[in-house]
């Protein structure tokens, strides 16, 4: 399988004031690969996505996307943020929500073109939401809304797709459908998924990394028990090889 290098981080460190969010991260992201990043809350996962989007500048190290500073390549990245509740009465339909994703490909002073509309409709069909195109966004379930937000990211025709906890508020059947959709999208682009859903990503992702300020990654689907313990800062038993799922056991509670 031919892989194109999409993004490179070299010894990247980021801080907020005196607080170090991520430290000495080294990572290469390729096309046609699905990388999942797990780790505890506050471990720097969202910060890493912001670095790739050019929204946060490292104080140390280098980052490039498509060989350039990421602030110049943002239009080639699709981004689905963590799900947030929306006003169920807000009067906007699915078509208009997804059209927002074409903003970077059009002059803000002109109307959207027939090509824009066609791309929106084709993308909604791909995520199985075309039948809802006239529906108000607030009337959809959370799982359906996430498919719409994914479509909004995809209509920019990105080469890299970044997803930040996209299934956090989605029920199990819809979550599995969402992962199956990502497997299809991976044929065309690189995907980086930030999640707490360790069991699911062990099945669906090509590669898995842990991030808790420091980055634990072996360019593969395997992580050592030491990696997980260091990232989650607690003892764990790790992964039985050959099993369909890899999970972390329950932690012993302190009395």
Protein backbone atom coordinates (compact mmCIF):
# COMPACT_ATOMS: atom_id res chain seq x y z
CA UNK A 1 0.00 0.00 0.00
CA UNK A 2 1.45 3.36 -1.05
CA UNK A 3 1.56 5.79 1.86
CA UNK A 4 2.01 9.52 1.63
CA UNK A 5 3.47 11.35 4.60
CA UNK A 6 0.90 13.97 5.58
CA UNK A 7 2.25 15.45 8.80
CA UNK A 8 5.42 15.31 10.89
CA UNK A 9 6.01 16.36 14.48
CA UNK A 10 9.60 16.46 15.72
CA UNK A 11 10.30 16.91 19.45
CA UNK A 12 7.17 19.06 19.76
CA UNK A 13 6.43 20.58 23.16
CA UNK A 14 3.50 22.88 23.99
CA UNK A 15 2.67 24.74 27.16
CA UNK A 16 -0.07 26.97 28.52
CA UNK A 17 1.71 29.50 30.68
CA UNK A 18 3.98 27.47 32.95
CA UNK A 19 2.01 24.24 32.42
CA UNK A 20 3.49 21.80 29.89
CA UNK A 21 0.65 20.21 27.92
CA UNK A 22 2.69 17.90 25.66
CA UNK A 23 6.41 17.23 25.73
CA UNK A 24 8.86 15.95 23.11
CA UNK A 25 6.25 14.39 20.81
CA UNK A 26 7.58 12.66 17.69
CA UNK A 27 5.04 11.41 15.16
CA UNK A 28 4.58 10.89 11.44
CA UNK A 29 1.04 10.65 10.06
CA UNK A 30 0.39 8.93 6.74
CA UNK A 31 -2.39 8.71 4.20
CA UNK A 32 -4.58 5.61 4.20
CA UNK A 33 -3.89 4.99 7.89
CA UNK A 34 -6.17 5.17 10.92
CA UNK A 35 -4.29 6.26 14.05
CA UNK A 36 -6.11 6.26 17.39
CA UNK A 37 -4.76 8.24 20.34
CA UNK A 38 -5.91 7.26 23.82
CA UNK A 39 -5.06 8.70 27.21
CA UNK A 40 -6.54 10.30 30.32
CA UNK A 41 -8.42 13.58 30.41
CA UNK A 42 -6.05 16.53 30.43
CA UNK A 43 -3.29 14.47 28.86
CA UNK A 44 -2.82 16.77 25.86
CA UNK A 45 -4.79 14.93 23.17
CA UNK A 46 -6.85 17.93 22.06
CA UNK A 47 -3.72 20.10 22.22
CA UNK A 48 -2.02 17.75 19.78
CA UNK A 49 -4.90 18.19 17.32
CA UNK A 50 -4.67 21.98 17.72
CA UNK A 51 -0.98 21.79 16.82
CA UNK A 52 -1.83 19.91 13.62
CA UNK A 53 -4.47 22.53 12.82
CA UNK A 54 -2.04 25.39 13.37
CA UNK A 55 -4.15 26.72 16.23
CA UNK A 56 -1.45 26.20 18.85
CA UNK A 57 2.23 26.87 18.28
CA UNK A 58 4.89 24.70 19.94
CA UNK A 59 7.44 26.47 22.12
CA UNK A 60 9.91 23.78 21.12
CA UNK A 61 10.23 21.44 18.15
CA UNK A 62 8.93 21.49 14.58
CA UNK A 63 5.64 20.58 12.98
CA UNK A 64 4.73 20.44 9.31
CA UNK A 65 1.59 19.43 7.42
CA UNK A 66 2.02 18.65 3.73
CA UNK A 67 5.53 20.04 4.09
CA UNK A 68 4.38 23.46 5.31
CA UNK A 69 3.55 25.34 8.49
CA UNK A 70 0.12 23.97 9.51
CA UNK A 71 -1.46 27.44 9.65
CA UNK A 72 -1.17 27.47 5.85
CA UNK A 73 -2.63 23.99 5.29
CA UNK A 74 -5.72 24.11 7.49
CA UNK A 75 -8.08 23.92 4.52
CA UNK A 76 -6.69 20.47 3.72
CA UNK A 77 -7.67 19.14 7.14
CA UNK A 78 -11.13 18.04 8.18
CA UNK A 79 -11.85 18.50 11.89
CA UNK A 80 -14.70 17.10 13.99
CA UNK A 81 -14.55 18.54 17.53
CA UNK A 82 -15.96 17.01 20.68
CA UNK A 83 -19.72 16.86 20.53
CA UNK A 84 -21.46 19.80 22.15
CA UNK A 85 -25.17 20.20 22.60
CA UNK A 86 -26.85 22.55 20.19
CA UNK A 87 -30.02 24.58 20.49
CA UNK A 88 -32.75 22.23 19.29
CA UNK A 89 -34.74 25.25 18.12
CA UNK A 90 -31.95 26.77 16.05
CA UNK A 91 -33.44 27.16 12.55
CA UNK A 92 -30.78 25.58 10.33
CA UNK A 93 -31.17 22.46 8.24
CA UNK A 94 -28.66 19.73 7.48
CA UNK A 95 -27.80 21.09 4.02
CA UNK A 96 -26.80 24.48 5.43
CA UNK A 97 -24.77 22.96 8.27
CA UNK A 98 -22.73 20.84 5.86
CA UNK A 99 -22.34 23.71 3.37
CA UNK A 100 -20.38 25.56 6.05
CA UNK A 101 -17.59 23.10 5.38
CA UNK A 102 -17.21 24.53 1.84
CA UNK A 103 -16.44 28.00 3.19
CA UNK A 104 -12.69 27.64 2.66
CA UNK A 105 -13.25 26.70 -0.99
CA UNK A 106 -15.44 29.63 -1.90
CA UNK A 107 -15.37 33.41 -1.87
CA UNK A 108 -17.28 34.47 1.27
CA UNK A 109 -18.94 37.25 -0.78
CA UNK A 110 -20.49 34.89 -3.35
CA UNK A 111 -23.19 32.27 -3.10
CA UNK A 112 -22.45 28.59 -2.99
CA UNK A 113 -22.26 26.99 -6.43
CA UNK A 114 -24.02 24.00 -7.94
CA UNK A 115 -20.73 22.12 -7.47
CA UNK A 116 -20.81 22.95 -3.75
CA UNK A 117 -24.35 21.63 -3.47
CA UNK A 118 -23.45 18.45 -5.37
CA UNK A 119 -20.48 17.78 -3.09
CA UNK A 120 -22.70 18.26 -0.03
CA UNK A 121 -25.31 15.85 -1.33
CA UNK A 122 -22.73 13.23 -2.32
CA UNK A 123 -21.08 13.49 1.08
CA UNK A 124 -24.36 13.19 2.95
CA UNK A 125 -25.07 10.08 0.91
CA UNK A 126 -21.67 8.68 1.91
CA UNK A 127 -22.44 9.13 5.62
CA UNK A 128 -25.99 7.84 5.08
CA UNK A 129 -27.70 11.13 5.96
CA UNK A 130 -28.94 12.34 2.57
CA UNK A 131 -32.55 11.50 3.42
CA UNK A 132 -32.35 14.01 6.28
CA UNK A 133 -31.01 16.92 4.22
CA UNK A 134 -34.03 19.17 4.88
CA UNK A 135 -34.29 18.27 8.55
CA UNK A 136 -33.49 20.78 11.25
CA UNK A 137 -30.18 19.84 12.94
CA UNK A 138 -31.68 19.99 16.44
CA UNK A 139 -34.22 17.26 15.66
CA UNK A 140 -31.56 14.60 15.06
CA UNK A 141 -30.13 12.15 17.57
CA UNK A 142 -26.58 12.72 18.78
CA UNK A 143 -25.32 9.92 16.58
CA UNK A 144 -27.00 11.43 13.54
CA UNK A 145 -25.64 14.87 14.40
CA UNK A 146 -22.11 13.46 14.55
CA UNK A 147 -22.55 12.04 11.04
CA UNK A 148 -23.62 15.48 9.87
CA UNK A 149 -20.60 17.11 11.51
CA UNK A 150 -18.41 14.46 9.89
CA UNK A 151 -19.97 15.33 6.53
CA UNK A 152 -19.25 19.02 7.19
CA UNK A 153 -15.58 18.12 7.71
CA UNK A 154 -15.48 15.92 4.62
CA UNK A 155 -16.94 18.41 2.13
CA UNK A 156 -13.73 20.41 2.33
CA UNK A 157 -12.20 17.36 0.60
CA UNK A 158 -9.42 17.02 3.20
CA UNK A 159 -6.40 14.76 2.95
CA UNK A 160 -6.28 14.43 6.75
CA UNK A 161 -9.25 13.92 9.08
CA UNK A 162 -8.96 14.78 12.80
CA UNK A 163 -11.66 13.61 15.19
CA UNK A 164 -11.83 14.59 18.86
CA UNK A 165 -14.01 12.16 20.87
CA UNK A 166 -16.66 12.00 18.13
CA UNK A 167 -18.56 9.08 19.70
CA UNK A 168 -18.48 10.20 23.33
CA UNK A 169 -22.28 10.69 23.54
CA UNK A 170 -23.32 8.06 20.98
CA UNK A 171 -24.96 4.73 21.76
CA UNK A 172 -23.16 1.45 21.03
CA UNK A 173 -24.83 0.48 17.71
CA UNK A 174 -24.29 3.95 16.25
CA UNK A 175 -20.70 3.94 17.55
CA UNK A 176 -19.89 0.72 15.71
CA UNK A 177 -21.49 2.09 12.53
CA UNK A 178 -19.36 5.21 12.89
CA UNK A 179 -16.15 3.18 13.12
CA UNK A 180 -17.12 1.13 10.08
CA UNK A 181 -17.59 4.38 8.17
CA UNK A 182 -14.10 5.51 9.22
CA UNK A 183 -12.64 2.29 7.86
CA UNK A 184 -14.13 3.18 4.47
CA UNK A 185 -12.89 6.78 4.61
CA UNK A 186 -9.40 5.55 5.45
CA UNK A 187 -9.06 4.28 1.89
CA UNK A 188 -8.79 7.89 0.71
CA UNK A 189 -7.21 9.87 3.54
CA UNK A 190 -5.34 9.76 6.84
CA UNK A 191 -7.38 9.66 10.04
CA UNK A 192 -6.38 10.62 13.58
CA UNK A 193 -8.98 9.77 16.24
CA UNK A 194 -8.75 10.94 19.85
CA UNK A 195 -10.86 8.72 22.08
CA UNK A 196 -11.35 6.93 25.40
CA UNK A 197 -12.94 3.98 23.63
CA UNK A 198 -9.97 1.62 24.01
CA UNK A 199 -11.84 -1.57 23.16
CA UNK A 200 -13.25 -0.28 19.89
CA UNK A 201 -10.05 1.30 18.60
CA UNK A 202 -8.12 -1.88 19.30
CA UNK A 203 -10.36 -3.53 16.71
CA UNK A 204 -10.79 -0.76 14.14
CA UNK A 205 -7.63 1.37 14.18
CA UNK A 206 -4.45 0.50 12.29
CA UNK A 207 -2.22 2.01 14.95
CA UNK A 208 -2.69 3.05 18.57
CA UNK A 209 -0.76 5.56 20.68
CA UNK A 210 -1.04 6.80 24.26
CA UNK A 211 -0.65 10.43 25.25
CA UNK A 212 -0.38 11.83 28.76
CA UNK A 213 1.90 14.81 28.22
CA UNK A 214 4.47 12.36 26.86
CA UNK A 215 3.75 10.28 23.76
CA UNK A 216 3.93 6.48 23.81
CA UNK A 217 3.96 5.06 20.31
CA UNK A 218 5.68 2.29 18.35
CA UNK A 219 4.27 2.94 14.86
CA UNK A 220 2.06 -0.12 15.26
CA UNK A 221 -1.11 -1.40 16.89
CA UNK A 222 0.76 -2.74 19.90
CA UNK A 223 1.48 -0.92 23.14
CA UNK A 224 3.44 -2.42 26.01
CA UNK A 225 2.03 -2.68 29.55
CA UNK A 226 4.73 -0.20 30.55
CA UNK A 227 3.43 2.30 27.99
CA UNK A 228 -0.11 2.07 29.34
CA UNK A 229 0.99 2.25 32.97
CA UNK A 230 3.11 5.32 32.25
CA UNK A 231 0.31 7.04 30.33
CA UNK A 232 -2.49 6.27 32.78
CA UNK A 233 -0.25 6.44 35.85
CA UNK A 234 -1.67 3.28 37.36
CA UNK A 235 -0.93 -0.46 37.14
CA UNK A 236 -2.70 -2.40 34.39
CA UNK A 237 -2.70 -5.81 32.84
CA UNK A 238 -2.40 -5.60 29.10
CA UNK A 239 -3.66 -7.17 25.89
CA UNK A 240 -3.86 -10.87 25.24
CA UNK A 241 -2.45 -11.35 21.74
CA UNK A 242 -4.85 -12.93 19.29
CA UNK A 243 -7.94 -11.81 21.20
CA UNK A 244 -10.49 -9.77 19.21
CA UNK A 245 -10.49 -6.96 21.78
CA UNK A 246 -7.79 -5.44 23.95
CA UNK A 247 -9.02 -3.84 27.14
CA UNK A 248 -7.76 -2.35 30.34
CA UNK A 249 -8.96 -4.13 33.50
CA UNK A 250 -10.69 -2.40 36.36
CA UNK A 251 -8.30 -0.60 38.68
CA UNK A 252 -8.15 -1.53 42.32
CA UNK A 253 -9.79 1.18 44.37
CA UNK A 254 -7.92 2.60 47.30
CA UNK A 255 -9.69 2.16 50.57
